[in-house]
Amino acid sequence: MGSMSWIHWVVVLLIVVLVFGTKRLGNIGKDVGEAVKGFKKGMADDDKPEQLNDQSRNSDSNASARNDERSQR
């Protein structure tokens, strides 16, 4: 009664296929695969430092300069 034999697993698999159908199981597998790919891509993107382009650097420095002028008044 401890572990299940391979015959038990085959019966469970057949029941799952009968309940859900092969098309739905294929869609679930596809969705899980896409989720794993997205997760891996997200983890790889976190390792790369973000680089700001020149426009955003200039706008950030201009905004801080404007804030300094306002605080001096």
Protein backbone atom coordinates (compact mmCIF):
# COMPACT_ATOMS: atom_id res chain seq x y z
CA MET A 1 0.00 0.00 0.00
CA GLY A 2 3.07 2.26 0.15
CA SER A 3 3.88 3.36 -3.38
CA MET A 4 1.89 3.17 -6.57
CA SER A 5 3.01 0.78 -9.31
CA TRP A 6 3.22 1.73 -12.97
CA ILE A 7 -0.18 0.17 -13.62
CA HIS A 8 -1.77 2.59 -11.16
CA TRP A 9 -0.11 5.55 -12.93
CA VAL A 10 -1.42 4.34 -16.31
CA VAL A 11 -4.96 4.16 -14.92
CA VAL A 12 -4.64 7.66 -13.43
CA LEU A 13 -3.33 9.00 -16.75
CA LEU A 14 -6.23 7.43 -18.67
CA ILE A 15 -8.75 8.95 -16.28
CA VAL A 16 -7.14 12.39 -16.62
CA VAL A 17 -7.24 12.13 -20.43
CA LEU A 18 -10.88 11.06 -20.36
CA VAL A 19 -11.87 13.90 -18.02
CA PHE A 20 -9.95 16.74 -19.67
CA GLY A 21 -9.44 15.53 -23.23
CA THR A 22 -6.25 15.65 -25.25
CA LYS A 23 -6.91 19.12 -26.71
CA ARG A 24 -7.28 20.76 -23.31
CA LEU A 25 -4.22 18.96 -21.96
CA GLY A 26 -2.22 20.18 -24.97
CA ASN A 27 -3.33 23.75 -24.32
CA ILE A 28 -2.37 23.46 -20.66
CA GLY A 29 1.08 22.17 -21.64
CA LYS A 30 1.52 25.05 -24.10
CA ASP A 31 0.50 27.62 -21.49
CA VAL A 32 2.89 26.17 -18.91
CA GLY A 33 5.73 26.20 -21.46
CA GLU A 34 5.09 29.86 -22.33
CA ALA A 35 4.98 30.75 -18.63
CA VAL A 36 8.34 29.07 -18.04
CA LYS A 37 9.87 30.89 -21.03
CA GLY A 38 8.54 34.21 -19.76
CA PHE A 39 9.90 33.52 -16.29
CA LYS A 40 13.35 32.66 -17.67
CA LYS A 41 13.35 35.80 -19.82
CA GLY A 42 12.35 37.90 -16.82
CA MET A 43 15.13 36.42 -14.72
CA ALA A 44 17.68 37.07 -17.48
CA ASP A 45 16.49 40.67 -17.84
CA ASP A 46 16.98 41.29 -14.11
CA ASP A 47 20.68 40.44 -14.43
CA LYS A 48 21.29 43.14 -17.04
CA PRO A 49 21.75 46.68 -15.74
CA GLU A 50 19.37 49.21 -17.24
CA GLN A 51 20.95 51.83 -19.44
CA LEU A 52 19.37 55.24 -19.74
CA ASN A 53 19.52 57.02 -23.05
CA ASP A 54 20.82 60.58 -23.28
CA GLN A 55 17.35 62.12 -23.46
CA SER A 56 16.23 60.66 -20.17
CA ARG A 57 19.47 61.71 -18.49
CA ASN A 58 19.02 65.28 -19.72
CA SER A 59 15.40 65.46 -18.66
CA ASP A 60 16.26 64.07 -15.21
CA SER A 61 19.04 66.62 -14.71
CA ASN A 62 16.81 69.44 -15.97
CA ALA A 63 14.05 68.42 -13.56
CA SER A 64 16.42 68.40 -10.61
CA ALA A 65 17.82 71.80 -11.63
CA ARG A 66 14.28 73.21 -11.77
CA ASN A 67 13.55 71.80 -8.32
CA ASP A 68 16.72 73.44 -6.97
CA GLU A 69 15.66 76.80 -8.39
CA ARG A 70 12.23 76.53 -6.77
CA SER A 71 13.65 75.65 -3.37
CA GLN A 72 15.99 78.68 -3.41
CA ARG A 73 13.13 81.15 -3.81
